[in-house]
Every structure is written in C-alpha cells, then in structure tokens.
Amino acid sequence: MRFGRRRHEQTSRMFPYRIRRLSAWLHEAWQRVTRGPSPSPIPESAVSRKNMPPYMPPEITDTIISAVPLERYYPIIRPSRTHTLAMCALVCRAWLPRSRVELFKHIPIEDDHTYDLLVERVLHSETMSRYLTSVDSLALSRHGSARPSKAARLLFVEFAGKLPGLRTLRVFNVDFTQQRPSVRWPLLLSQFRTITSLRLFGCQFSSFSDVRRLLTALPLLSTLAIFDLTWPVVSHEVHLQTTLCPRTFWPELHTLWIYPLSPQCAALFLRWMTGALHGSPVKELRCDSSNLPSTGSLRESVDAFVGRVGPSVTDLNIRITDNLPLSAFIALERLSCSLYKYQGNWRGVASVLQGVSSSAIQSITFDYVYTHRWHSRKNNDSTSLRFDDDTLGELDRVLSGEPFRRLQEVILCVLAQQEEDEKRLRAHARRCLPKLHKRKILRLYINERLQRLDVD
C-alpha cells in the first residue's frame, strides 16, 4: 500500500495505459450524455442538459472506483487491486478520497517495514489516521527469519480502539510465544470485538490457554478457520475439564474450518470446542479427517464434537476416510469429499456414503479424483483411488437408493494428463454411472472443464 501523495502534475507520465484510457472513456461518455440528442421529447420545464456539468458526477466515479474487483490472478498476470486503486488515486483530486477509502479496506502487513510505515504515516498522522475507520480486513504475516515480528508484538497494543470497522483478521505464520506479558496478551483482542471472521494459519502459541483466551475474546465471530496451529501440550491440559458454563461464546458462529492439527492438539482443541459451541448454530464445517484413528482419545473427541455440531451442519467439506462418521449430520444438504491420497477403490467410498442419514442431501462433490495415467506418470502408490476403475459403478448403486432420492447433482472433478482421451473418460462415466446419467444429475469435470455427457 502507498501511504504517500504525489502531485497532480506528475501523474501524466506515471499513469498506466489502462487508467488513461478509462479516464478518457468516462469523459467521452459523459460528454455524449450532456451534448447528445434527446431520445424522447423533454418538456421545457424540465431541467435542460445544457445546465448539466461537463464532468462525471462524483457519485458515479465513486461507484466505479468501489467496484474495482478483488484480484483473482497472480500479480504477474494481472495487477493487484491495491495497485489499480493506487493508480486511481493519482488521476485527479476528485478520485483521491474514494480511492483511499477503498485502499484502506484491506491492509496486508507482510513485514516490519510495512508495519512501521503504517504506524508512522497513518496512525500518527492527523490527516491519514481518519482512514483507519475504513479498514474492514487486516492480514498479518511473517516472512524470512524466525525473529519475532514487531507487528505481531505491537499491533494489538498500538491499534487498540483505532479500527472500529475491522471485520476480518487473518494471521499467517506468526510466533505468538514471544508476546509479553504472555498471560494478558490474548485478552487484548477484546479491544477488537467487531471482528466477525478470524483465520489463523500456521501460528505457534505458548499454551492452549492462550488459544482459548484469544477465541473467547471475540464474541461476534461468524467464521473461524484454524490451520496447522501448534502449542506444547502439558499433562494437566490433556485432562482439561470440558464441562463449561452453559453460555454461548459465539451466538453467530456459522462457519468453522479445522485443518491439520497434531493428534494431541486436535484432541484437546475438539474436546474444548465441543463444550464451547453450546448454542452456536454451525452450518458450514470443513475439516481434515485423514488419519482418523478407530479408537483412542482423539476418536472420542471427534465423536463428541460431531455429536455437538452434526444436527445443525448443512454444508460439510471433508477428506474421505473409511471410518468417517457421517450419520450424525442429520441436516446435511451439501457434501464435498476430497479423495486426495485416498487408499482403496470406489467400493470403500460407497461404503462411507452409506453412512449418510440426511434425507435432505441435494449435492455431492468428489474432488481430487485422478486417472490411472495421471498416477502412473506421477509414480504414485498403486493402491490410490483411480477414476477409471470399474468399481466406480458402486457409486451408481449407492447414490440411486435411500436417502439420495432428492439428489440434484453429483459432481466428479477429475484430474487427467493433458494428452488423455476425454472421449474415453466420458464413456467410462456413462458406462459405470448409468442411473445417475439417466437422472441428468451427473456433472463430470476433466481438468476443470465441464464435459457434455450426452454426446460422444
């Protein structure tokens, strides 16, 4: 993000070609509107277009600037939204306020230098600090050496009460074990109670108590995503008391993502969440169920957790395993199954799906389905699941019975070698899944391209 301001006289040689073209096009379009013939008779009493200003009204330019889309491509292919908005800010003085507001909606802090600039040029600036009220999303990350990040240590202190509109916080690869004082720092997030979406990726904590305090300090959470968190598990936490006070920590928590945790951390976290989710109507659940044991403390924690959230979950995204408990999800409407590194054949997948008990199920998606040639080229384990295996017909048998009568779509996302014959793969799908094909609910994607199954 740019925090400086260039003079208007410098902008003509700095504008990229697309900004100059956009400005010229907007000016030409407005001139046509103000000077062109009327498409229908206008009474003399009406406001004449001669009195209309020869420039674009600020309401329209503000709307256009606000509509600059989020980047969906890598910067080498298409400039980022931040870069585009920075260029918009240099067009003219009228474009500057809205461009700045949009620039400050999302702030990425990737290193200490960026954080220092944010503090010096924005937080401590009388003219720029007012734009902090526009911040909707903040991403905090740490790159390079293992040295503690200044932003991780100071952000929650220096910006307490300064971000009244903050809704989304993303934290990547930050070591929170360096926080001082370690006992109180998680409670600093209580100064950011407007946060509704929290995503923690690859962070380290001194103890599970810090994780617990951090999460319970944000009562308005509607989305919580946990990815690969670590903390030392000590003996007294292994036997953590899970009978919590009958209160709802997050009354609006609808989306919950839990991805790889170590077995001990996962058992502890799920056991605590089972009690903490009292009254939270979780609708969307994404989790990594790989390496799920059939017995032990982790299995007990998983079963208790699924028993808590199962009655309310309508969208479930998981990795298929042979001992996956699906019967508890009685309200399930959409099921997405990742078959990445699944060991076995389609009989095993069909057996897992027989555990579905919800009669409201409408959509089932199978992701990361590889062909035999793809596995052979990658030298993968010969026991891995393959799309072009004759046992695919087991899906047709299971998904044509109860409780799948209301299915509206079955999606297979197949990854194949570029030189593979797509016609052969389509024919394999029709031959093995004739009932689903006849019901016209089968969707086959090969390398992200939707296939027409009604033609050869």
Protein backbone atom coordinates (compact mmCIF):
# COMPACT_ATOMS: atom_id res chain seq x y z
CA MET A 1 0.00 0.00 0.00
CA ARG A 2 1.23 3.51 -0.81
CA PHE A 3 0.98 5.96 2.04
CA GLY A 4 2.49 8.99 0.25
CA ARG A 5 0.80 11.51 -2.07
CA ARG A 6 2.12 12.57 -5.48
CA ARG A 7 1.44 15.92 -7.02
CA HIS A 8 -1.11 16.06 -9.80
CA GLU A 9 1.49 17.41 -12.29
CA GLN A 10 3.47 14.18 -12.04
CA THR A 11 0.59 11.87 -12.83
CA SER A 12 0.50 12.18 -16.63
CA ARG A 13 3.75 10.27 -17.10
CA MET A 14 3.03 7.78 -14.32
CA PHE A 15 -0.43 6.57 -15.35
CA PRO A 16 -0.55 3.14 -16.88
CA TYR A 17 -2.20 2.93 -20.27
CA ARG A 18 -5.42 1.38 -18.96
CA ILE A 19 -6.05 4.23 -16.46
CA ARG A 20 -5.62 6.90 -19.15
CA ARG A 21 -7.98 5.02 -21.42
CA LEU A 22 -10.54 4.61 -18.61
CA SER A 23 -10.43 8.30 -17.75
CA ALA A 24 -10.77 9.30 -21.41
CA TRP A 25 -13.63 6.89 -21.96
CA LEU A 26 -15.54 8.14 -18.92
CA HIS A 27 -15.07 11.75 -20.03
CA GLU A 28 -16.19 10.99 -23.61
CA ALA A 29 -19.23 9.04 -22.41
CA TRP A 30 -20.32 11.87 -20.14
CA GLN A 31 -19.87 14.46 -22.89
CA ARG A 32 -22.11 12.39 -25.17
CA VAL A 33 -24.78 12.28 -22.48
CA THR A 34 -24.68 16.02 -21.86
CA ARG A 35 -24.48 17.12 -25.52
CA GLY A 36 -26.22 14.33 -27.47
CA PRO A 37 -29.78 14.48 -28.84
CA SER A 38 -32.61 13.63 -26.51
CA PRO A 39 -34.04 10.13 -27.03
CA SER A 40 -37.53 11.47 -26.23
CA PRO A 41 -39.19 14.91 -26.05
CA ILE A 42 -38.47 16.73 -22.79
CA PRO A 43 -40.81 19.48 -21.54
CA GLU A 44 -39.36 22.96 -21.43
CA SER A 45 -39.99 22.98 -17.70
CA ALA A 46 -37.62 20.04 -17.24
CA VAL A 47 -34.01 20.65 -16.42
CA SER A 48 -32.09 21.26 -19.64
CA ARG A 49 -28.99 19.20 -20.30
CA LYS A 50 -27.25 22.46 -21.09
CA ASN A 51 -27.25 23.11 -17.36
CA MET A 52 -25.67 19.76 -16.56
CA PRO A 53 -21.98 19.89 -15.64
CA PRO A 54 -19.44 18.76 -18.30
CA TYR A 55 -17.87 16.25 -15.92
CA MET A 56 -18.73 12.93 -14.32
CA PRO A 57 -20.70 13.32 -11.05
CA PRO A 58 -18.67 12.15 -8.04
CA GLU A 59 -21.37 9.62 -7.11
CA ILE A 60 -20.72 7.74 -10.35
CA THR A 61 -16.93 7.83 -10.15
CA ASP A 62 -17.09 6.71 -6.50
CA THR A 63 -19.26 3.75 -7.52
CA ILE A 64 -16.86 2.82 -10.32
CA ILE A 65 -13.82 3.00 -8.02
CA SER A 66 -15.59 0.94 -5.35
CA ALA A 67 -16.31 -1.72 -7.99
CA VAL A 68 -12.64 -2.45 -8.72
CA PRO A 69 -12.66 -6.25 -8.28
CA LEU A 70 -10.57 -8.27 -5.89
CA GLU A 71 -7.54 -9.83 -7.58
CA ARG A 72 -8.17 -13.37 -8.78
CA TYR A 73 -4.87 -13.77 -10.59
CA TYR A 74 -1.22 -13.65 -9.69
CA PRO A 75 0.31 -10.17 -9.99
CA ILE A 76 2.46 -11.30 -12.93
CA ILE A 77 -0.73 -11.89 -14.93
CA ARG A 78 -2.90 -9.03 -13.73
CA PRO A 79 -2.07 -6.06 -11.46
CA SER A 80 -3.46 -6.29 -7.96
CA ARG A 81 -6.48 -4.37 -6.71
CA THR A 82 -4.17 -2.33 -4.49
CA HIS A 83 -2.08 -1.25 -7.49
CA THR A 84 -5.17 -0.34 -9.53
CA LEU A 85 -6.62 1.74 -6.68
CA ALA A 86 -3.28 3.48 -6.17
CA MET A 87 -3.32 4.49 -9.82
CA CYS A 88 -6.92 5.70 -9.48
CA ALA A 89 -5.84 7.91 -6.59
CA LEU A 90 -3.42 9.69 -8.96
CA VAL A 91 -5.98 10.52 -11.64
CA CYS A 92 -7.26 13.71 -10.03
CA ARG A 93 -8.19 15.21 -6.68
CA ALA A 94 -11.82 14.16 -7.05
CA TRP A 95 -10.81 10.49 -7.28
CA LEU A 96 -8.46 10.59 -4.29
CA PRO A 97 -10.89 10.30 -1.29
CA ARG A 98 -12.78 7.26 -2.55
CA SER A 99 -9.57 5.62 -3.76
CA ARG A 100 -8.06 5.98 -0.30
CA VAL A 101 -11.17 4.63 1.40
CA GLU A 102 -11.06 1.55 -0.84
CA LEU A 103 -7.30 1.16 -0.37
CA PHE A 104 -7.70 1.07 3.39
CA LYS A 105 -10.49 -1.52 3.36
CA HIS A 106 -7.85 -4.24 3.27
CA ILE A 107 -4.41 -3.82 4.84
CA PRO A 108 -1.76 -6.53 4.35
CA ILE A 109 1.18 -6.35 6.78
CA GLU A 110 3.89 -8.66 5.46
CA ASP A 111 6.96 -7.35 7.25
CA ASP A 112 8.13 -4.93 9.91
CA HIS A 113 8.90 -2.23 7.34
CA THR A 114 5.29 -2.16 6.19
CA TYR A 115 4.14 -2.02 9.80
CA ASP A 116 6.49 0.91 10.57
CA LEU A 117 5.13 2.84 7.59
CA LEU A 118 1.56 2.18 8.70
CA VAL A 119 2.28 3.47 12.20
CA GLU A 120 4.38 6.47 11.14
CA ARG A 121 2.41 7.71 8.13
CA VAL A 122 -1.12 6.70 9.06
CA LEU A 123 -1.62 6.01 12.77
CA HIS A 124 0.39 9.07 13.85
CA SER A 125 -0.88 11.33 11.05
CA GLU A 126 -3.73 13.76 11.71
CA THR A 127 -4.84 13.71 8.07
CA MET A 128 -4.45 9.98 7.36
CA SER A 129 -5.48 8.37 10.66
CA ARG A 130 -9.15 9.00 9.89
CA TYR A 131 -8.94 6.42 7.10
CA LEU A 132 -8.38 3.69 9.69
CA THR A 133 -12.13 3.72 10.24
CA SER A 134 -12.43 2.29 6.70
CA VAL A 135 -10.39 -0.82 7.49
CA ASP A 136 -12.56 -3.91 7.02
CA SER A 137 -9.89 -6.61 6.66
CA LEU A 138 -6.36 -6.95 8.01
CA ALA A 139 -3.80 -9.65 7.18
CA LEU A 140 -0.77 -10.15 9.42
CA SER A 141 2.07 -12.40 8.35
CA ARG A 142 5.75 -13.02 8.99
CA HIS A 143 8.32 -13.88 6.35
CA GLY A 144 12.02 -14.61 6.42
CA SER A 145 13.90 -15.38 9.60
CA ALA A 146 12.43 -16.69 12.85
CA ARG A 147 12.99 -13.32 14.53
CA PRO A 148 9.82 -12.17 16.37
CA SER A 149 7.74 -9.86 14.22
CA LYS A 150 7.27 -6.35 15.55
CA ALA A 151 3.78 -6.23 14.08
CA ALA A 152 2.78 -9.41 15.95
CA ARG A 153 4.09 -7.95 19.21
CA LEU A 154 2.71 -4.42 18.92
CA LEU A 155 -0.31 -4.42 16.60
CA PHE A 156 -2.91 -5.33 19.22
CA VAL A 157 -1.49 -2.70 21.59
CA GLU A 158 -0.92 0.27 19.28
CA PHE A 159 -4.11 -0.15 17.25
CA ALA A 160 -6.48 -0.93 20.13
CA GLY A 161 -9.61 1.15 19.61
CA LYS A 162 -8.31 2.51 16.27
CA LEU A 163 -10.04 0.04 13.94
CA PRO A 164 -13.77 0.34 14.71
CA GLY A 165 -14.81 -1.23 11.40
CA LEU A 166 -12.49 -4.25 11.42
CA ARG A 167 -14.42 -7.40 10.49
CA THR A 168 -11.84 -9.86 9.15
CA LEU A 169 -8.46 -10.74 10.69
CA ARG A 170 -6.06 -13.18 9.01
CA VAL A 171 -2.85 -14.19 10.75
CA PHE A 172 -0.18 -16.21 8.92
CA ASN A 173 2.90 -17.96 10.35
CA VAL A 174 3.27 -15.76 13.43
CA ASP A 175 5.04 -16.96 16.57
CA PHE A 176 2.92 -15.69 19.46
CA THR A 177 5.17 -17.34 22.06
CA GLN A 178 7.22 -14.12 22.12
CA GLN A 179 4.33 -12.00 23.38
CA ARG A 180 4.91 -10.19 26.70
CA PRO A 181 3.22 -10.32 29.09
CA SER A 182 2.20 -13.78 27.90
CA VAL A 183 -0.71 -14.11 30.36
CA ARG A 184 -2.58 -10.99 29.26
CA TRP A 185 -1.92 -10.54 25.54
CA PRO A 186 -4.78 -12.74 24.20
CA LEU A 187 -7.26 -10.53 26.06
CA LEU A 188 -6.04 -7.55 24.01
CA LEU A 189 -8.28 -8.82 21.24
CA SER A 190 -11.25 -7.80 23.36
CA GLN A 191 -10.44 -4.29 22.02
CA PHE A 192 -11.32 -5.62 18.55
CA ARG A 193 -14.75 -7.04 19.35
CA THR A 194 -16.12 -6.10 15.92
CA ILE A 195 -14.18 -8.99 14.31
CA THR A 196 -16.58 -11.50 12.75
CA SER A 197 -14.08 -13.59 10.75
CA LEU A 198 -10.83 -14.95 12.21
CA ARG A 199 -8.37 -17.14 10.29
CA LEU A 200 -5.20 -18.47 11.93
CA PHE A 201 -2.63 -20.18 9.67
CA GLY A 202 0.50 -21.93 10.95
CA CYS A 203 0.78 -19.95 14.21
CA GLN A 204 2.65 -21.00 17.36
CA PHE A 205 1.28 -20.42 20.86
CA SER A 206 2.81 -20.81 24.31
CA SER A 207 -0.13 -22.89 25.55
CA PHE A 208 -3.67 -23.88 24.72
CA SER A 209 -4.83 -21.37 27.33
CA ASP A 210 -3.66 -18.58 25.00
CA VAL A 211 -5.67 -20.06 22.13
CA ARG A 212 -8.74 -20.36 24.35
CA ARG A 213 -8.49 -16.79 25.67
CA LEU A 214 -7.95 -15.40 22.19
CA LEU A 215 -11.05 -17.09 20.76
CA THR A 216 -13.38 -16.28 23.64
CA ALA A 217 -12.38 -12.59 23.46
CA LEU A 218 -14.26 -12.29 20.13
CA PRO A 219 -17.99 -12.84 20.81
CA LEU A 220 -19.22 -11.81 17.34
CA LEU A 221 -17.37 -14.48 15.36
CA SER A 222 -19.36 -15.90 12.46
CA THR A 223 -16.37 -17.54 10.71
CA LEU A 224 -13.47 -19.31 12.42
CA ALA A 225 -10.70 -21.06 10.49
CA ILE A 226 -7.89 -22.98 12.22
CA PHE A 227 -4.97 -24.22 10.10
CA ASP A 228 -1.95 -26.09 11.48
CA LEU A 229 -1.72 -24.41 14.90
CA THR A 230 0.82 -25.70 17.41
CA TRP A 231 1.30 -25.39 21.15
CA PRO A 232 3.01 -27.58 23.74
CA VAL A 233 0.53 -29.98 25.35
CA VAL A 234 1.26 -30.39 29.06
CA SER A 235 -0.08 -33.10 31.32
CA HIS A 236 -2.73 -31.04 33.12
CA GLU A 237 -4.21 -29.87 29.77
CA VAL A 238 -4.56 -33.41 28.49
CA HIS A 239 -7.23 -33.90 31.16
CA LEU A 240 -8.83 -30.49 30.56
CA GLN A 241 -12.23 -30.17 32.14
CA THR A 242 -14.75 -29.91 29.32
CA THR A 243 -17.87 -29.15 31.35
CA LEU A 244 -18.08 -25.41 30.74
CA CYS A 245 -20.58 -22.89 32.00
CA PRO A 246 -23.83 -23.07 29.96
CA ARG A 247 -23.18 -19.96 27.91
CA THR A 248 -22.86 -19.27 24.20
CA PHE A 249 -19.45 -17.84 23.33
CA TRP A 250 -20.29 -17.19 19.66
CA PRO A 251 -24.05 -16.94 19.03
CA GLU A 252 -23.49 -16.19 15.31
CA LEU A 253 -20.77 -18.75 14.52
CA HIS A 254 -21.96 -20.35 11.26
CA THR A 255 -18.69 -21.35 9.52
CA LEU A 256 -15.98 -23.48 11.13
CA TRP A 257 -12.82 -24.76 9.41
CA ILE A 258 -10.41 -27.06 11.25
CA TYR A 259 -7.40 -28.32 9.32
CA PRO A 260 -4.30 -30.34 10.22
CA LEU A 261 -3.51 -30.36 13.93
CA SER A 262 -1.27 -32.84 15.69
CA PRO A 263 -3.25 -35.71 17.30
CA GLN A 264 -2.73 -34.36 20.85
CA CYS A 265 -3.57 -30.76 19.88
CA ALA A 266 -6.60 -31.92 17.88
CA ALA A 267 -7.98 -34.00 20.75
CA LEU A 268 -7.57 -31.10 23.19
CA PHE A 269 -8.99 -28.48 20.83
CA LEU A 270 -12.02 -30.55 19.80
CA ARG A 271 -12.79 -31.52 23.39
CA TRP A 272 -12.83 -27.87 24.42
CA MET A 273 -14.78 -26.73 21.33
CA THR A 274 -17.46 -29.33 21.99
CA GLY A 275 -18.33 -27.53 25.21
CA ALA A 276 -17.65 -24.01 23.91
CA LEU A 277 -20.02 -24.43 20.94
CA HIS A 278 -23.06 -24.57 23.20
CA GLY A 279 -25.81 -22.73 21.28
CA SER A 280 -23.64 -21.94 18.22
CA PRO A 281 -25.57 -22.89 15.05
CA VAL A 282 -22.66 -24.12 12.89
CA LYS A 283 -23.90 -24.51 9.31
CA GLU A 284 -20.68 -24.99 7.34
CA LEU A 285 -17.97 -27.35 8.58
CA ARG A 286 -14.67 -28.05 6.85
CA CYS A 287 -12.18 -30.40 8.43
CA ASP A 288 -9.32 -32.74 7.67
CA SER A 289 -10.44 -36.19 8.73
CA SER A 290 -7.38 -38.03 7.37
CA ASN A 291 -5.51 -40.38 9.71
CA LEU A 292 -8.56 -40.59 11.97
CA PRO A 293 -7.99 -43.49 14.39
CA SER A 294 -10.73 -46.00 15.14
CA THR A 295 -10.09 -45.83 18.92
CA GLY A 296 -8.36 -43.64 21.49
CA SER A 297 -8.77 -40.15 22.93
CA LEU A 298 -8.76 -38.42 19.54
CA ARG A 299 -11.54 -40.65 18.26
CA GLU A 300 -13.58 -39.98 21.41
CA SER A 301 -13.06 -36.23 20.96
CA VAL A 302 -14.10 -36.40 17.29
CA ASP A 303 -17.25 -38.37 18.06
CA ALA A 304 -18.27 -35.93 20.81
CA PHE A 305 -17.56 -32.93 18.56
CA VAL A 306 -19.55 -34.39 15.65
CA GLY A 307 -22.39 -35.14 18.04
CA ARG A 308 -22.44 -31.46 19.00
CA VAL A 309 -22.35 -29.86 15.53
CA GLY A 310 -23.97 -32.65 13.48
CA PRO A 311 -27.62 -31.62 13.99
CA SER A 312 -27.05 -28.12 12.55
CA VAL A 313 -24.45 -28.61 9.77
CA THR A 314 -25.85 -28.30 6.24
CA ASP A 315 -22.56 -27.95 4.31
CA LEU A 316 -19.76 -30.45 5.01
CA ASN A 317 -16.33 -30.48 3.34
CA ILE A 318 -14.07 -33.37 4.38
CA ARG A 319 -11.39 -35.80 3.28
CA ILE A 320 -12.83 -39.28 2.84
CA THR A 321 -11.64 -41.95 5.27
CA ASP A 322 -13.05 -45.43 5.74
CA ASN A 323 -14.14 -44.82 9.35
CA LEU A 324 -15.69 -41.39 8.83
CA PRO A 325 -18.84 -40.79 10.96
CA LEU A 326 -21.50 -39.25 8.69
CA SER A 327 -24.68 -40.50 10.34
CA ALA A 328 -24.67 -37.66 12.91
CA PHE A 329 -25.11 -35.00 10.19
CA ILE A 330 -28.88 -35.30 10.04
CA ALA A 331 -29.48 -31.90 8.35
CA LEU A 332 -26.82 -32.30 5.64
CA GLU A 333 -27.66 -30.73 2.26
CA ARG A 334 -24.30 -30.42 0.52
CA LEU A 335 -21.36 -32.82 0.89
CA SER A 336 -17.92 -32.24 -0.64
CA CYS A 337 -15.45 -35.13 -0.41
CA SER A 338 -11.74 -34.78 -1.12
CA LEU A 339 -10.23 -38.03 -2.40
CA TYR A 340 -6.67 -36.76 -2.23
CA LYS A 341 -4.38 -39.69 -1.33
CA TYR A 342 -7.35 -41.94 -0.64
CA GLN A 343 -6.14 -45.53 -0.42
CA GLY A 344 -8.63 -48.01 -1.85
CA ASN A 345 -11.27 -48.14 -4.56
CA TRP A 346 -14.79 -46.88 -5.12
CA ARG A 347 -16.30 -49.67 -3.01
CA GLY A 348 -14.73 -48.06 0.06
CA VAL A 349 -16.07 -44.62 -0.90
CA ALA A 350 -19.55 -46.05 -1.49
CA SER A 351 -19.41 -47.81 1.88
CA VAL A 352 -18.65 -44.49 3.64
CA LEU A 353 -21.56 -42.79 1.82
CA GLN A 354 -23.93 -45.46 3.08
CA GLY A 355 -23.47 -43.81 6.48
CA VAL A 356 -25.29 -40.67 5.29
CA SER A 357 -28.60 -40.39 7.15
CA SER A 358 -29.87 -36.99 5.97
CA SER A 359 -32.82 -37.18 3.59
CA ALA A 360 -32.25 -33.52 2.67
CA ILE A 361 -28.97 -34.18 0.82
CA GLN A 362 -29.02 -32.35 -2.54
CA SER A 363 -25.43 -32.19 -3.77
CA ILE A 364 -22.33 -34.40 -3.53
CA THR A 365 -18.95 -33.35 -4.94
CA PHE A 366 -15.86 -35.54 -5.32
CA ASP A 367 -12.63 -33.53 -5.59
CA TYR A 368 -9.09 -34.65 -6.50
CA VAL A 369 -10.14 -37.70 -8.49
CA TYR A 370 -7.13 -38.85 -10.54
CA THR A 371 -6.93 -41.10 -13.57
CA HIS A 372 -4.75 -44.20 -13.87
CA ARG A 373 -2.39 -42.47 -16.31
CA TRP A 374 -2.02 -39.47 -14.02
CA HIS A 375 -0.99 -41.73 -11.14
CA SER A 376 1.39 -43.69 -13.38
CA ARG A 377 3.08 -40.51 -14.60
CA LYS A 378 3.48 -39.23 -11.06
CA ASN A 379 4.72 -42.64 -9.80
CA ASN A 380 2.12 -42.64 -7.06
CA ASP A 381 1.10 -45.57 -4.87
CA SER A 382 -0.70 -48.21 -6.90
CA THR A 383 -3.33 -48.54 -4.14
CA SER A 384 -4.56 -44.95 -4.61
CA LEU A 385 -8.09 -44.42 -5.90
CA ARG A 386 -8.50 -44.00 -9.68
CA PHE A 387 -11.36 -42.53 -11.64
CA ASP A 388 -11.12 -45.04 -14.48
CA ASP A 389 -11.66 -48.05 -12.25
CA ASP A 390 -14.58 -50.40 -12.82
CA THR A 391 -15.59 -50.17 -9.15
CA LEU A 392 -16.91 -46.66 -9.95
CA GLY A 393 -20.22 -48.42 -10.56
CA GLU A 394 -20.61 -48.83 -6.78
CA LEU A 395 -21.37 -45.10 -6.59
CA ASP A 396 -24.25 -45.57 -9.02
CA ARG A 397 -25.73 -48.32 -6.87
CA VAL A 398 -25.47 -46.46 -3.54
CA LEU A 399 -26.46 -42.99 -4.79
CA SER A 400 -29.55 -44.39 -6.51
CA GLY A 401 -31.02 -45.60 -3.22
CA GLU A 402 -32.12 -44.01 0.02
CA PRO A 403 -31.53 -41.36 1.30
CA PHE A 404 -30.31 -39.95 -2.04
CA ARG A 405 -33.62 -39.75 -3.89
CA ARG A 406 -33.60 -35.95 -3.71
CA LEU A 407 -30.11 -35.54 -5.12
CA GLN A 408 -29.92 -32.71 -7.62
CA GLU A 409 -26.28 -33.10 -8.65
CA VAL A 410 -23.32 -35.44 -8.35
CA ILE A 411 -20.07 -33.71 -9.35
CA LEU A 412 -16.86 -35.54 -10.23
CA CYS A 413 -13.77 -33.32 -10.55
CA VAL A 414 -11.24 -35.43 -12.45
CA LEU A 415 -7.56 -34.58 -12.95
CA ALA A 416 -6.03 -36.23 -16.03
CA GLN A 417 -2.96 -35.91 -18.21
CA GLN A 418 -3.36 -33.35 -20.97
CA GLU A 419 -2.93 -35.96 -23.69
CA GLU A 420 -5.59 -38.31 -22.31
CA ASP A 421 -8.64 -39.11 -24.43
CA GLU A 422 -11.54 -37.22 -22.82
CA LYS A 423 -13.99 -39.15 -25.00
CA ARG A 424 -12.85 -42.39 -23.32
CA LEU A 425 -13.26 -40.87 -19.85
CA ARG A 426 -16.77 -39.64 -20.69
CA ALA A 427 -17.71 -43.10 -21.96
CA HIS A 428 -16.38 -44.63 -18.73
CA ALA A 429 -18.59 -42.31 -16.68
CA ARG A 430 -21.70 -43.17 -18.72
CA ARG A 431 -20.99 -46.92 -18.54
CA CYS A 432 -20.34 -47.05 -14.78
CA LEU A 433 -22.93 -44.45 -13.70
CA PRO A 434 -25.94 -45.11 -15.96
CA LYS A 435 -28.64 -44.35 -13.36
CA LEU A 436 -27.11 -41.00 -12.35
CA HIS A 437 -26.66 -40.13 -16.02
CA LYS A 438 -30.28 -41.05 -16.78
CA ARG A 439 -31.47 -38.82 -13.93
CA LYS A 440 -29.45 -35.98 -15.53
CA ILE A 441 -27.75 -35.11 -12.27
CA LEU A 442 -24.23 -36.25 -13.18
CA ARG A 443 -21.64 -33.48 -13.74
CA LEU A 444 -18.20 -34.50 -14.97
CA TYR A 445 -15.30 -32.04 -14.94
CA ILE A 446 -11.99 -33.04 -16.51
CA ASN A 447 -9.17 -30.64 -15.68
CA GLU A 448 -11.80 -28.07 -14.65
CA ARG A 449 -13.71 -28.30 -17.95
CA LEU A 450 -17.36 -29.38 -17.82
CA GLN A 451 -17.97 -32.33 -20.14
CA ARG A 452 -21.05 -32.97 -22.25
CA LEU A 453 -22.08 -36.49 -21.42
CA ASP A 454 -24.91 -36.61 -23.94
CA VAL A 455 -22.50 -36.61 -26.92
CA ASP A 456 -19.57 -38.82 -27.86
